[in-house]
Amino acid sequence: MKMKTTDPGYLAKQKSKGKTYLFVKKTYREGKKVRSKSLYSFGSMPEALERLYWLRDHPDCFPKDLEKKGFTLAHIYKWVLAIEIRQKENGAPFDVYI
């Protein structure tokens, strides 16, 4: 029997006051409603991308709160790739520069 594995969360963007911010979010159900909770913030672009590059290059400084929530360095690589090619793993567009 094949089991479906899920990630502990996903990279999301949010625009506010003309800036684009990068967050790690998790969605969950509350009754019939689907809600999302922000787990971690990388800040506004382009500083957020620089922070992701820095974390990728310095794995010993991986944030403890992300590690406790089940994220690994592989997630950082996947998020950086999604930003660079402007496409998520599932094929959905992910353009943080708009």
PDB file of N, CA and C in Angstrom:
ATOM      1  N   MET A   1       0.832  -1.179   0.000  1.00  0.00           N
ATOM      2  CA  MET A   1       0.000   0.000   0.000  1.00  0.00           C
ATOM      3  C   MET A   1       0.877   1.243   0.000  1.00  0.00           C
ATOM      4  N   LYS A   2       0.599   2.142  -0.891  1.00  0.00           N
ATOM      5  CA  LYS A   2       1.399   3.356  -1.020  1.00  0.00           C
ATOM      6  C   LYS A   2       0.828   4.448  -0.116  1.00  0.00           C
ATOM      7  N   MET A   3       1.696   5.019   0.713  1.00  0.00           N
ATOM      8  CA  MET A   3       1.273   6.087   1.629  1.00  0.00           C
ATOM      9  C   MET A   3       1.655   7.435   1.036  1.00  0.00           C
ATOM     10  N   LYS A   4       0.814   8.400   1.214  1.00  0.00           N
ATOM     11  CA  LYS A   4       1.099   9.752   0.740  1.00  0.00           C
ATOM     12  C   LYS A   4       1.897  10.489   1.812  1.00  0.00           C
ATOM     13  N   THR A   5       3.030  11.028   1.407  1.00  0.00           N
ATOM     14  CA  THR A   5       3.828  11.807   2.344  1.00  0.00           C
ATOM     15  C   THR A   5       3.592  13.283   2.071  1.00  0.00           C
ATOM     16  N   THR A   6       3.518  14.044   3.121  1.00  0.00           N
ATOM     17  CA  THR A   6       3.284  15.472   2.965  1.00  0.00           C
ATOM     18  C   THR A   6       4.436  16.253   3.572  1.00  0.00           C
ATOM     19  N   ASP A   7       4.684  17.400   3.010  1.00  0.00           N
ATOM     20  CA  ASP A   7       5.684  18.294   3.563  1.00  0.00           C
ATOM     21  C   ASP A   7       5.118  18.978   4.801  1.00  0.00           C
ATOM     22  N   PRO A   8       5.988  19.411   5.702  1.00  0.00           N
ATOM     23  CA  PRO A   8       5.494  20.094   6.898  1.00  0.00           C
ATOM     24  C   PRO A   8       4.948  21.491   6.602  1.00  0.00           C
ATOM     25  N   GLY A   9       5.177  22.006   5.417  1.00  0.00           N
ATOM     26  CA  GLY A   9       4.694  23.335   5.043  1.00  0.00           C
ATOM     27  C   GLY A   9       5.166  23.690   3.654  1.00  0.00           C
ATOM     28  N   TYR A  10       4.941  24.939   3.255  1.00  0.00           N
ATOM     29  CA  TYR A  10       5.299  25.368   1.906  1.00  0.00           C
ATOM     30  C   TYR A  10       5.722  26.827   1.920  1.00  0.00           C
ATOM     31  N   LEU A  11       6.444  27.224   0.884  1.00  0.00           N
ATOM     32  CA  LEU A  11       6.873  28.604   0.730  1.00  0.00           C
ATOM     33  C   LEU A  11       5.740  29.396   0.090  1.00  0.00           C
ATOM     34  N   ALA A  12       5.435  30.540   0.658  1.00  0.00           N
ATOM     35  CA  ALA A  12       4.357  31.377   0.141  1.00  0.00           C
ATOM     36  C   ALA A  12       4.835  32.822   0.081  1.00  0.00           C
ATOM     37  N   LYS A  13       4.204  33.578  -0.804  1.00  0.00           N
ATOM     38  CA  LYS A  13       4.514  35.008  -0.913  1.00  0.00           C
ATOM     39  C   LYS A  13       3.274  35.795  -0.526  1.00  0.00           C
ATOM     40  N   GLN A  14       3.515  36.995  -0.019  1.00  0.00           N
ATOM     41  CA  GLN A  14       2.411  37.864   0.361  1.00  0.00           C
ATOM     42  C   GLN A  14       2.832  39.301   0.086  1.00  0.00           C
ATOM     43  N   LYS A  15       1.959  40.043  -0.583  1.00  0.00           N
ATOM     44  CA  LYS A  15       2.252  41.439  -0.880  1.00  0.00           C
ATOM     45  C   LYS A  15       1.576  42.328   0.153  1.00  0.00           C
ATOM     46  N   SER A  16       2.328  43.332   0.590  1.00  0.00           N
ATOM     47  CA  SER A  16       1.796  44.291   1.537  1.00  0.00           C
ATOM     48  C   SER A  16       2.537  45.611   1.352  1.00  0.00           C
ATOM     49  N   LYS A  17       1.782  46.666   1.142  1.00  0.00           N
ATOM     50  CA  LYS A  17       2.342  48.019   1.000  1.00  0.00           C
ATOM     51  C   LYS A  17       3.432  48.085  -0.060  1.00  0.00           C
ATOM     52  N   GLY A  18       3.214  47.395  -1.180  1.00  0.00           N
ATOM     53  CA  GLY A  18       4.146  47.453  -2.297  1.00  0.00           C
ATOM     54  C   GLY A  18       5.354  46.549  -2.190  1.00  0.00           C
ATOM     55  N   LYS A  19       5.479  45.788  -1.109  1.00  0.00           N
ATOM     56  CA  LYS A  19       6.598  44.865  -0.943  1.00  0.00           C
ATOM     57  C   LYS A  19       6.086  43.431  -0.980  1.00  0.00           C
ATOM     58  N   THR A  20       6.947  42.516  -1.402  1.00  0.00           N
ATOM     59  CA  THR A  20       6.618  41.098  -1.418  1.00  0.00           C
ATOM     60  C   THR A  20       7.412  40.416  -0.305  1.00  0.00           C
ATOM     61  N   TYR A  21       6.708  39.679   0.537  1.00  0.00           N
ATOM     62  CA  TYR A  21       7.313  38.985   1.667  1.00  0.00           C
ATOM     63  C   TYR A  21       7.239  37.487   1.439  1.00  0.00           C
ATOM     64  N   LEU A  22       8.268  36.764   1.902  1.00  0.00           N
ATOM     65  CA  LEU A  22       8.299  35.308   1.799  1.00  0.00           C
ATOM     66  C   LEU A  22       8.071  34.692   3.176  1.00  0.00           C
ATOM     67  N   PHE A  23       7.153  33.727   3.220  1.00  0.00           N
ATOM     68  CA  PHE A  23       6.806  33.038   4.450  1.00  0.00           C
ATOM     69  C   PHE A  23       6.843  31.535   4.225  1.00  0.00           C
ATOM     70  N   VAL A  24       7.000  30.806   5.306  1.00  0.00           N
ATOM     71  CA  VAL A  24       6.736  29.379   5.306  1.00  0.00           C
ATOM     72  C   VAL A  24       5.393  29.233   5.995  1.00  0.00           C
ATOM     73  N   LYS A  25       4.446  28.606   5.296  1.00  0.00           N
ATOM     74  CA  LYS A  25       3.096  28.470   5.833  1.00  0.00           C
ATOM     75  C   LYS A  25       2.677  27.015   5.861  1.00  0.00           C
ATOM     76  N   LYS A  26       1.631  26.774   6.629  1.00  0.00           N
ATOM     77  CA  LYS A  26       1.020  25.458   6.702  1.00  0.00           C
ATOM     78  C   LYS A  26      -0.490  25.651   6.657  1.00  0.00           C
ATOM     79  N   THR A  27      -1.170  24.833   5.862  1.00  0.00           N
ATOM     80  CA  THR A  27      -2.630  24.916   5.815  1.00  0.00           C
ATOM     81  C   THR A  27      -3.218  23.781   6.646  1.00  0.00           C
ATOM     82  N   TYR A  28      -4.380  24.053   7.191  1.00  0.00           N
ATOM     83  CA  TYR A  28      -5.071  23.061   8.003  1.00  0.00           C
ATOM     84  C   TYR A  28      -6.570  23.321   7.920  1.00  0.00           C
ATOM     85  N   ARG A  29      -7.347  22.331   8.299  1.00  0.00           N
ATOM     86  CA  ARG A  29      -8.802  22.453   8.280  1.00  0.00           C
ATOM     87  C   ARG A  29      -9.319  22.752   9.673  1.00  0.00           C
ATOM     88  N   GLU A  30     -10.274  23.643   9.708  1.00  0.00           N
ATOM     89  CA  GLU A  30     -10.992  23.950  10.941  1.00  0.00           C
ATOM     90  C   GLU A  30     -12.471  23.801  10.607  1.00  0.00           C
ATOM     91  N   GLY A  31     -13.014  22.641  10.859  1.00  0.00           N
ATOM     92  CA  GLY A  31     -14.382  22.369  10.427  1.00  0.00           C
ATOM     93  C   GLY A  31     -14.415  22.252   8.914  1.00  0.00           C
ATOM     94  N   LYS A  32     -15.207  23.081   8.271  1.00  0.00           N
ATOM     95  CA  LYS A  32     -15.276  23.069   6.808  1.00  0.00           C
ATOM     96  C   LYS A  32     -14.389  24.124   6.168  1.00  0.00           C
ATOM     97  N   LYS A  33     -13.739  24.956   6.976  1.00  0.00           N
ATOM     98  CA  LYS A  33     -12.896  26.028   6.455  1.00  0.00           C
ATOM     99  C   LYS A  33     -11.439  25.588   6.393  1.00  0.00           C
ATOM    100  N   VAL A  34     -10.746  26.068   5.371  1.00  0.00           N
ATOM    101  CA  VAL A  34      -9.309  25.829   5.233  1.00  0.00           C
ATOM    102  C   VAL A  34      -8.597  27.108   5.643  1.00  0.00           C
ATOM    103  N   ARG A  35      -7.712  26.988   6.589  1.00  0.00           N
ATOM    104  CA  ARG A  35      -6.970  28.146   7.095  1.00  0.00           C
ATOM    105  C   ARG A  35      -5.476  27.908   6.912  1.00  0.00           C
ATOM    106  N   SER A  36      -4.717  28.987   6.966  1.00  0.00           N
ATOM    107  CA  SER A  36      -3.266  28.848   6.882  1.00  0.00           C
ATOM    108  C   SER A  36      -2.628  29.575   8.059  1.00  0.00           C
ATOM    109  N   LYS A  37      -1.500  29.053   8.462  1.00  0.00           N
ATOM    110  CA  LYS A  37      -0.770  29.613   9.594  1.00  0.00           C
ATOM    111  C   LYS A  37       0.656  29.864   9.145  1.00  0.00           C
ATOM    112  N   SER A  38       1.167  31.038   9.438  1.00  0.00           N
ATOM    113  CA  SER A  38       2.541  31.375   9.103  1.00  0.00           C
ATOM    114  C   SER A  38       3.470  30.758  10.147  1.00  0.00           C
ATOM    115  N   LEU A  39       4.441  29.976   9.674  1.00  0.00           N
ATOM    116  CA  LEU A  39       5.375  29.308  10.576  1.00  0.00           C
ATOM    117  C   LEU A  39       6.696  30.054  10.717  1.00  0.00           C
ATOM    118  N   TYR A  40       7.118  30.722   9.630  1.00  0.00           N
ATOM    119  CA  TYR A  40       8.418  31.400   9.638  1.00  0.00           C
ATOM    120  C   TYR A  40       8.414  32.474   8.568  1.00  0.00           C
ATOM    121  N   SER A  41       9.067  33.584   8.814  1.00  0.00           N
ATOM    122  CA  SER A  41       9.164  34.664   7.836  1.00  0.00           C
ATOM    123  C   SER A  41      10.621  34.876   7.446  1.00  0.00           C
ATOM    124  N   PHE A  42      10.853  34.972   6.137  1.00  0.00           N
ATOM    125  CA  PHE A  42      12.191  35.289   5.638  1.00  0.00           C
ATOM    126  C   PHE A  42      12.344  36.780   5.386  1.00  0.00           C
ATOM    127  N   GLY A  43      11.273  37.543   5.472  1.00  0.00           N
ATOM    128  CA  GLY A  43      11.332  38.977   5.268  1.00  0.00           C
ATOM    129  C   GLY A  43      10.914  39.365   3.863  1.00  0.00           C
ATOM    130  N   SER A  44      11.265  40.586   3.498  1.00  0.00           N
ATOM    131  CA  SER A  44      10.851  41.105   2.192  1.00  0.00           C
ATOM    132  C   SER A  44      11.906  40.787   1.133  1.00  0.00           C
ATOM    133  N   MET A  45      11.448  40.745  -0.109  1.00  0.00           N
ATOM    134  CA  MET A  45      12.344  40.522  -1.237  1.00  0.00           C
ATOM    135  C   MET A  45      13.116  41.807  -1.509  1.00  0.00           C
ATOM    136  N   PRO A  46      14.315  41.808  -1.957  1.00  0.00           N
ATOM    137  CA  PRO A  46      15.191  40.689  -2.299  1.00  0.00           C
ATOM    138  C   PRO A  46      16.017  40.176  -1.116  1.00  0.00           C
ATOM    139  N   GLU A  47      15.882  40.811   0.058  1.00  0.00           N
ATOM    140  CA  GLU A  47      16.647  40.363   1.226  1.00  0.00           C
ATOM    141  C   GLU A  47      16.291  38.935   1.620  1.00  0.00           C
ATOM    142  N   ALA A  48      15.046  38.540   1.402  1.00  0.00           N
ATOM    143  CA  ALA A  48      14.622  37.180   1.737  1.00  0.00           C
ATOM    144  C   ALA A  48      15.369  36.156   0.891  1.00  0.00           C
ATOM    145  N   LEU A  49      15.561  36.449  -0.370  1.00  0.00           N
ATOM    146  CA  LEU A  49      16.305  35.541  -1.244  1.00  0.00           C
ATOM    147  C   LEU A  49      17.764  35.455  -0.806  1.00  0.00           C
ATOM    148  N   GLU A  50      18.338  36.575  -0.436  1.00  0.00           N
ATOM    149  CA  GLU A  50      19.716  36.566   0.068  1.00  0.00           C
ATOM    150  C   GLU A  50      19.820  35.729   1.343  1.00  0.00           C
ATOM    151  N   ARG A  51      18.809  35.816   2.207  1.00  0.00           N
ATOM    152  CA  ARG A  51      18.786  35.033   3.442  1.00  0.00           C
ATOM    153  C   ARG A  51      18.709  33.528   3.120  1.00  0.00           C
ATOM    154  N   LEU A  52      17.907  33.175   2.119  1.00  0.00           N
ATOM    155  CA  LEU A  52      17.819  31.773   1.702  1.00  0.00           C
ATOM    156  C   LEU A  52      19.149  31.278   1.136  1.00  0.00           C
ATOM    157  N   TYR A  53      19.812  32.109   0.305  1.00  0.00           N
ATOM    158  CA  TYR A  53      21.134  31.744  -0.211  1.00  0.00           C
ATOM    159  C   TYR A  53      22.123  31.534   0.929  1.00  0.00           C
ATOM    160  N   TRP A  54      22.078  32.435   1.908  1.00  0.00           N
ATOM    161  CA  TRP A  54      23.008  32.353   3.029  1.00  0.00           C
ATOM    162  C   TRP A  54      22.762  31.077   3.828  1.00  0.00           C
ATOM    163  N   LEU A  55      21.505  30.742   4.074  1.00  0.00           N
ATOM    164  CA  LEU A  55      21.174  29.520   4.809  1.00  0.00           C
ATOM    165  C   LEU A  55      21.615  28.282   4.038  1.00  0.00           C
ATOM    166  N   ARG A  56      21.484  28.331   2.717  1.00  0.00           N
ATOM    167  CA  ARG A  56      21.913  27.211   1.883  1.00  0.00           C
ATOM    168  C   ARG A  56      23.425  27.018   1.975  1.00  0.00           C
ATOM    169  N   ASP A  57      24.162  28.126   2.024  1.00  0.00           N
ATOM    170  CA  ASP A  57      25.625  28.051   2.063  1.00  0.00           C
ATOM    171  C   ASP A  57      26.181  27.812   3.463  1.00  0.00           C
ATOM    172  N   HIS A  58      25.363  28.034   4.492  1.00  0.00           N
ATOM    173  CA  HIS A  58      25.787  27.851   5.891  1.00  0.00           C
ATOM    174  C   HIS A  58      24.805  26.913   6.599  1.00  0.00           C
ATOM    175  N   PRO A  59      24.848  25.619   6.276  1.00  0.00           N
ATOM    176  CA  PRO A  59      23.867  24.684   6.852  1.00  0.00           C
ATOM    177  C   PRO A  59      23.971  24.540   8.370  1.00  0.00           C
ATOM    178  N   ASP A  60      25.118  24.878   8.944  1.00  0.00           N
ATOM    179  CA  ASP A  60      25.260  24.785  10.392  1.00  0.00           C
ATOM    180  C   ASP A  60      24.459  25.870  11.114  1.00  0.00           C
ATOM    181  N   CYS A  61      24.003  26.885  10.386  1.00  0.00           N
ATOM    182  CA  CYS A  61      23.216  27.979  10.977  1.00  0.00           C
ATOM    183  C   CYS A  61      21.730  27.853  10.645  1.00  0.00           C
ATOM    184  N   PHE A  62      21.277  26.649  10.327  1.00  0.00           N
ATOM    185  CA  PHE A  62      19.871  26.429   9.985  1.00  0.00           C
ATOM    186  C   PHE A  62      19.000  26.806  11.189  1.00  0.00           C
ATOM    187  N   PRO A  63      17.931  27.593  10.975  1.00  0.00           N
ATOM    188  CA  PRO A  63      17.089  28.042  12.094  1.00  0.00           C
ATOM    189  C   PRO A  63      16.494  26.877  12.880  1.00  0.00           C
ATOM    190  N   LYS A  64      16.634  26.926  14.193  1.00  0.00           N
ATOM    191  CA  LYS A  64      16.157  25.851  15.064  1.00  0.00           C
ATOM    192  C   LYS A  64      14.641  25.709  15.018  1.00  0.00           C
ATOM    193  N   ASP A  65      13.912  26.841  14.900  1.00  0.00           N
ATOM    194  CA  ASP A  65      12.456  26.743  14.886  1.00  0.00           C
ATOM    195  C   ASP A  65      11.958  26.077  13.601  1.00  0.00           C
ATOM    196  N   LEU A  66      12.663  26.247  12.484  1.00  0.00           N
ATOM    197  CA  LEU A  66      12.298  25.526  11.262  1.00  0.00           C
ATOM    198  C   LEU A  66      12.623  24.033  11.408  1.00  0.00           C
ATOM    199  N   GLU A  67      13.749  23.753  12.031  1.00  0.00           N
ATOM    200  CA  GLU A  67      14.158  22.366  12.227  1.00  0.00           C
ATOM    201  C   GLU A  67      13.168  21.622  13.127  1.00  0.00           C
ATOM    202  N   LYS A  68      12.680  22.288  14.167  1.00  0.00           N
ATOM    203  CA  LYS A  68      11.713  21.677  15.084  1.00  0.00           C
ATOM    204  C   LYS A  68      10.397  21.362  14.386  1.00  0.00           C
ATOM    205  N   LYS A  69      10.060  22.136  13.364  1.00  0.00           N
ATOM    206  CA  LYS A  69       8.795  21.941  12.653  1.00  0.00           C
ATOM    207  C   LYS A  69       8.920  20.957  11.499  1.00  0.00           C
ATOM    208  N   GLY A  70      10.095  20.341  11.348  1.00  0.00           N
ATOM    209  CA  GLY A  70      10.260  19.266  10.370  1.00  0.00           C
ATOM    210  C   GLY A  70      10.890  19.665   9.051  1.00  0.00           C
ATOM    211  N   PHE A  71      11.455  20.852   8.953  1.00  0.00           N
ATOM    212  CA  PHE A  71      12.085  21.298   7.716  1.00  0.00           C
ATOM    213  C   PHE A  71      13.566  20.953   7.725  1.00  0.00           C
ATOM    214  N   THR A  72      14.111  20.752   6.524  1.00  0.00           N
ATOM    215  CA  THR A  72      15.524  20.405   6.401  1.00  0.00           C
ATOM    216  C   THR A  72      16.179  21.329   5.368  1.00  0.00           C
ATOM    217  N   LEU A  73      17.452  21.119   5.155  1.00  0.00           N
ATOM    218  CA  LEU A  73      18.191  21.892   4.166  1.00  0.00           C
ATOM    219  C   LEU A  73      17.660  21.621   2.756  1.00  0.00           C
ATOM    220  N   ALA A  74      17.115  20.438   2.530  1.00  0.00           N
ATOM    221  CA  ALA A  74      16.540  20.105   1.225  1.00  0.00           C
ATOM    222  C   ALA A  74      15.379  21.036   0.886  1.00  0.00           C
ATOM    223  N   HIS A  75      14.617  21.453   1.879  1.00  0.00           N
ATOM    224  CA  HIS A  75      13.525  22.394   1.649  1.00  0.00           C
ATOM    225  C   HIS A  75      14.066  23.750   1.177  1.00  0.00           C
ATOM    226  N   ILE A  76      15.177  24.194   1.765  1.00  0.00           N
ATOM    227  CA  ILE A  76      15.790  25.463   1.357  1.00  0.00           C
ATOM    228  C   ILE A  76      16.199  25.385  -0.112  1.00  0.00           C
ATOM    229  N   TYR A  77      16.827  24.277  -0.513  1.00  0.00           N
ATOM    230  CA  TYR A  77      17.226  24.095  -1.911  1.00  0.00           C
ATOM    231  C   TYR A  77      16.016  24.137  -2.833  1.00  0.00           C
ATOM    232  N   LYS A  78      14.946  23.478  -2.422  1.00  0.00           N
ATOM    233  CA  LYS A  78      13.726  23.427  -3.230  1.00  0.00           C
ATOM    234  C   LYS A  78      13.097  24.828  -3.360  1.00  0.00           C
ATOM    235  N   TRP A  79      13.101  25.600  -2.290  1.00  0.00           N
ATOM    236  CA  TRP A  79      12.519  26.948  -2.320  1.00  0.00           C
ATOM    237  C   TRP A  79      13.343  27.899  -3.177  1.00  0.00           C
ATOM    238  N   VAL A  80      14.672  27.806  -3.074  1.00  0.00           N
ATOM    239  CA  VAL A  80      15.542  28.654  -3.895  1.00  0.00           C
ATOM    240  C   VAL A  80      15.327  28.339  -5.371  1.00  0.00           C
ATOM    241  N   LEU A  81      15.231  27.066  -5.701  1.00  0.00           N
ATOM    242  CA  LEU A  81      14.992  26.664  -7.090  1.00  0.00           C
ATOM    243  C   LEU A  81      13.650  27.198  -7.582  1.00  0.00           C
ATOM    244  N   ALA A  82      12.631  27.121  -6.750  1.00  0.00           N
ATOM    245  CA  ALA A  82      11.304  27.620  -7.138  1.00  0.00           C
ATOM    246  C   ALA A  82      11.341  29.120  -7.430  1.00  0.00           C
ATOM    247  N   ILE A  83      12.096  29.873  -6.644  1.00  0.00           N
ATOM    248  CA  ILE A  83      12.203  31.321  -6.866  1.00  0.00           C
ATOM    249  C   ILE A  83      12.987  31.593  -8.145  1.00  0.00           C
ATOM    250  N   GLU A  84      14.086  30.861  -8.351  1.00  0.00           N
ATOM    251  CA  GLU A  84      14.938  31.105  -9.513  1.00  0.00           C
ATOM    252  C   GLU A  84      14.249  30.760 -10.834  1.00  0.00           C
ATOM    253  N   ILE A  85      13.511  29.655 -10.876  1.00  0.00           N
ATOM    254  CA  ILE A  85      12.848  29.287 -12.131  1.00  0.00           C
ATOM    255  C   ILE A  85      11.415  29.814 -12.200  1.00  0.00           C
ATOM    256  N   ARG A  86      11.000  30.500 -11.145  1.00  0.00           N
ATOM    257  CA  ARG A  86       9.665  31.119 -11.062  1.00  0.00           C
ATOM    258  C   ARG A  86       8.540  30.112 -11.258  1.00  0.00           C
ATOM    259  N   GLN A  87       8.746  28.930 -10.680  1.00  0.00           N
ATOM    260  CA  GLN A  87       7.741  27.881 -10.791  1.00  0.00           C
ATOM    261  C   GLN A  87       7.872  26.946  -9.590  1.00  0.00           C
ATOM    262  N   LYS A  88       6.736  26.592  -9.004  1.00  0.00           N
ATOM    263  CA  LYS A  88       6.749  25.655  -7.889  1.00  0.00           C
ATOM    264  C   LYS A  88       6.945  24.237  -8.393  1.00  0.00           C
ATOM    265  N   GLU A  89       7.151  23.321  -7.470  1.00  0.00           N
ATOM    266  CA  GLU A  89       7.393  21.927  -7.802  1.00  0.00           C
ATOM    267  C   GLU A  89       6.203  21.289  -8.531  1.00  0.00           C
ATOM    268  N   ASN A  90       4.991  21.770  -8.220  1.00  0.00           N
ATOM    269  CA  ASN A  90       3.789  21.213  -8.845  1.00  0.00           C
ATOM    270  C   ASN A  90       3.474  21.864 -10.195  1.00  0.00           C
ATOM    271  N   GLY A  91       4.300  22.805 -10.642  1.00  0.00           N
ATOM    272  CA  GLY A  91       4.117  23.446 -11.932  1.00  0.00           C
ATOM    273  C   GLY A  91       3.413  24.785 -11.874  1.00  0.00           C
ATOM    274  N   ALA A  92       2.925  25.166 -10.711  1.00  0.00           N
ATOM    275  CA  ALA A  92       2.235  26.444 -10.562  1.00  0.00           C
ATOM    276  C   ALA A  92       3.243  27.587 -10.641  1.00  0.00           C
ATOM    277  N   PRO A  93       2.858  28.710 -11.244  1.00  0.00           N
ATOM    278  CA  PRO A  93       3.783  29.848 -11.316  1.00  0.00           C
ATOM    279  C   PRO A  93       4.057  30.426  -9.932  1.00  0.00           C
ATOM    280  N   PHE A  94       5.295  30.849  -9.719  1.00  0.00           N
ATOM    281  CA  PHE A  94       5.691  31.429  -8.425  1.00  0.00           C
ATOM    282  C   PHE A  94       6.661  32.572  -8.721  1.00  0.00           C
ATOM    283  N   ASP A  95       6.129  33.723  -9.056  1.00  0.00           N
ATOM    284  CA  ASP A  95       6.961  34.874  -9.406  1.00  0.00           C
ATOM    285  C   ASP A  95       6.918  35.883  -8.263  1.00  0.00           C
ATOM    286  N   VAL A  96       8.031  36.019  -7.556  1.00  0.00           N
ATOM    287  CA  VAL A  96       8.097  36.939  -6.416  1.00  0.00           C
ATOM    288  C   VAL A  96       8.544  38.330  -6.839  1.00  0.00           C
ATOM    289  N   TYR A  97       8.851  38.514  -8.115  1.00  0.00           N
ATOM    290  CA  TYR A  97       9.358  39.799  -8.579  1.00  0.00           C
ATOM    291  C   TYR A  97       8.277  40.699  -9.132  1.00  0.00           C
ATOM    292  N   ILE A  98       7.033  40.250  -9.147  1.00  0.00           N
ATOM    293  CA  ILE A  98       5.943  41.068  -9.689  1.00  0.00           C
ATOM    294  C   ILE A  98       5.524  42.084  -8.655  1.00  0.00           C
TER     295      ILE A  98
END
